[in-house]
C-alpha atoms as a PDB file:
ATOM      1  CA  MET A   1      54.040  25.214 -49.812  1.00  0.00           C
ATOM      2  CA  ASP A   2      50.713  23.094 -48.369  1.00  0.00           C
ATOM      3  CA  HIS A   3      49.618  19.946 -49.674  1.00  0.00           C
ATOM      4  CA  ASP A   4      46.969  18.100 -48.912  1.00  0.00           C
ATOM      5  CA  MET A   5      47.317  14.260 -48.634  1.00  0.00           C
ATOM      6  CA  ASN A   6      45.709  12.489 -51.885  1.00  0.00           C
ATOM      7  CA  GLU A   7      44.064   9.633 -52.266  1.00  0.00           C
ATOM      8  CA  LEU A   8      47.029   7.312 -52.888  1.00  0.00           C
ATOM      9  CA  GLU A   9      49.038   9.106 -50.156  1.00  0.00           C
ATOM     10  CA  GLU A  10      46.000   8.368 -47.926  1.00  0.00           C
ATOM     11  CA  GLN A  11      47.208   4.312 -49.150  1.00  0.00           C
ATOM     12  CA  ILE A  12      50.442   4.235 -48.446  1.00  0.00           C
ATOM     13  CA  LEU A  13      50.068   5.726 -44.759  1.00  0.00           C
ATOM     14  CA  SER A  14      47.995   2.657 -44.817  1.00  0.00           C
ATOM     15  CA  ALA A  15      49.968  -0.354 -46.508  1.00  0.00           C
ATOM     16  CA  LEU A  16      52.250   1.583 -43.877  1.00  0.00           C
ATOM     17  CA  LYS A  17      50.005   0.705 -40.443  1.00  0.00           C
ATOM     18  CA  ALA A  18      49.609  -2.335 -41.654  1.00  0.00           C
ATOM     19  CA  LEU A  19      52.931  -3.563 -42.736  1.00  0.00           C
ATOM     20  CA  GLU A  20      53.862  -2.105 -38.563  1.00  0.00           C
ATOM     21  CA  ALA A  21      51.010  -4.477 -37.356  1.00  0.00           C
ATOM     22  CA  ALA A  22      52.221  -6.997 -39.156  1.00  0.00           C
ATOM     23  CA  VAL A  23      55.624  -6.816 -37.788  1.00  0.00           C
ATOM     24  CA  LYS A  24      55.194  -6.143 -33.984  1.00  0.00           C
ATOM     25  CA  ALA A  25      52.670  -9.140 -34.614  1.00  0.00           C
ATOM     26  CA  MET A  26      56.207 -11.328 -36.483  1.00  0.00           C
ATOM     27  CA  SER A  27      56.880 -12.375 -33.167  1.00  0.00           C
ATOM     28  CA  THR A  28      53.841 -13.920 -31.522  1.00  0.00           C
ATOM     29  CA  ALA A  29      52.041 -15.258 -34.446  1.00  0.00           C
ATOM     30  CA  THR A  30      51.227 -18.546 -35.881  1.00  0.00           C
ATOM     31  CA  PRO A  31      51.842 -18.945 -38.792  1.00  0.00           C
ATOM     32  CA  LYS A  32      54.134 -16.030 -39.345  1.00  0.00           C
ATOM     33  CA  PRO A  33      52.396 -12.884 -41.576  1.00  0.00           C
ATOM     34  CA  ASP A  34      53.894 -13.321 -44.932  1.00  0.00           C
ATOM     35  CA  LEU A  35      55.302  -9.558 -45.531  1.00  0.00           C
ATOM     36  CA  LEU A  36      55.988  -9.840 -49.152  1.00  0.00           C
ATOM     37  CA  PRO A  37      53.013  -8.225 -49.875  1.00  0.00           C
ATOM     38  CA  LEU A  38      53.177  -5.372 -47.909  1.00  0.00           C
ATOM     39  CA  PHE A  39      56.359  -5.128 -49.623  1.00  0.00           C
ATOM     40  CA  THR A  40      55.038  -5.446 -53.227  1.00  0.00           C
ATOM     41  CA  ARG A  41      52.282  -2.669 -52.444  1.00  0.00           C
ATOM     42  CA  LEU A  42      54.005  -0.290 -51.404  1.00  0.00           C
ATOM     43  CA  ASP A  43      56.208  -0.619 -54.138  1.00  0.00           C
ATOM     44  CA  GLU A  44      53.649  -0.340 -56.261  1.00  0.00           C
ATOM     45  CA  LEU A  45      52.073   2.667 -54.776  1.00  0.00           C
ATOM     46  CA  ALA A  46      55.153   4.758 -54.428  1.00  0.00           C
ATOM     47  CA  GLY A  47      55.668   4.293 -57.776  1.00  0.00           C
ATOM     48  CA  GLN A  48      52.368   5.777 -58.507  1.00  0.00           C
ATOM     49  CA  LEU A  49      53.264   8.448 -56.883  1.00  0.00           C
ATOM     50  CA  PRO A  50      53.946  11.619 -59.327  1.00  0.00           C
ATOM     51  CA  ARG A  51      57.346  13.760 -59.770  1.00  0.00           C
ATOM     52  CA  THR A  52      55.549  16.608 -57.598  1.00  0.00           C
ATOM     53  CA  THR A  53      55.196  15.067 -54.481  1.00  0.00           C
ATOM     54  CA  ASP A  54      57.030  15.799 -51.803  1.00  0.00           C
ATOM     55  CA  PRO A  55      60.360  14.894 -52.432  1.00  0.00           C
ATOM     56  CA  GLU A  56      61.155  13.987 -48.623  1.00  0.00           C
ATOM     57  CA  LEU A  57      58.998  11.343 -49.312  1.00  0.00           C
ATOM     58  CA  LEU A  58      59.768   9.656 -52.566  1.00  0.00           C
ATOM     59  CA  HIS A  59      63.428   9.155 -50.829  1.00  0.00           C
ATOM     60  CA  PHE A  60      61.955   7.477 -47.855  1.00  0.00           C
ATOM     61  CA  LEU A  61      59.799   5.379 -49.430  1.00  0.00           C
ATOM     62  CA  HIS A  62      62.272   4.525 -52.302  1.00  0.00           C
ATOM     63  CA  ARG A  63      65.320   3.609 -50.002  1.00  0.00           C
ATOM     64  CA  LYS A  64      62.840   1.673 -46.855  1.00  0.00           C
ATOM     65  CA  SER A  65      62.375   4.189 -44.353  1.00  0.00           C
ATOM     66  CA  TYR A  66      59.034   3.153 -44.382  1.00  0.00           C
ATOM     67  CA  GLU A  67      59.129   4.687 -40.696  1.00  0.00           C
ATOM     68  CA  LYS A  68      59.791   8.604 -41.859  1.00  0.00           C
ATOM     69  CA  ALA A  69      57.794   7.637 -45.137  1.00  0.00           C
ATOM     70  CA  ARG A  70      54.980   7.205 -42.174  1.00  0.00           C
ATOM     71  CA  ALA A  71      56.410   9.343 -40.400  1.00  0.00           C
ATOM     72  CA  ARG A  72      56.269  12.027 -42.579  1.00  0.00           C
ATOM     73  CA  LEU A  73      52.735  11.041 -43.868  1.00  0.00           C
ATOM     74  CA  GLU A  74      51.634  11.682 -40.387  1.00  0.00           C
ATOM     75  CA  GLY A  75      52.557  14.629 -39.626  1.00  0.00           C
ATOM     76  CA  CYS A  76      50.452  15.492 -43.269  1.00  0.00           C
ATOM     77  CA  GLN A  77      46.938  13.674 -41.297  1.00  0.00           C
ATOM     78  CA  ALA A  78      48.217  16.039 -38.284  1.00  0.00           C
ATOM     79  CA  ALA A  79      48.136  18.935 -40.211  1.00  0.00           C
ATOM     80  CA  ARG A  80      44.256  18.696 -41.299  1.00  0.00           C
ATOM     81  CA  GLY A  81      45.311  17.823 -44.603  1.00  0.00           C
ATOM     82  CA  SER A  82      48.075  20.240 -44.514  1.00  0.00           C
ATOM     83  CA  CYS A  83      51.943  19.113 -44.657  1.00  0.00           C
ATOM     84  CA  GLY A  84      54.190  22.352 -45.359  1.00  0.00           C
ATOM     85  CA  HIS A  85      57.736  21.270 -46.939  1.00  0.00           C
END
């Protein structure tokens, strides 16, 4: 079954990229970036996903496996918006 990335999933992917950038900046940034708003945003977005969302993506987000969730979404994006399950 093909799945087109929807706007909400694109927002989640964007938030995951922002989180990764903030984490990478931790070692050199002064002051240190506040990651809490990023985690809160991801939780809010994940909570808005419908039950029809890819169960693997939902699992990764709920388990806070953000690298895996990003890889899953980027796999969808790389397939020009279609992701086979």
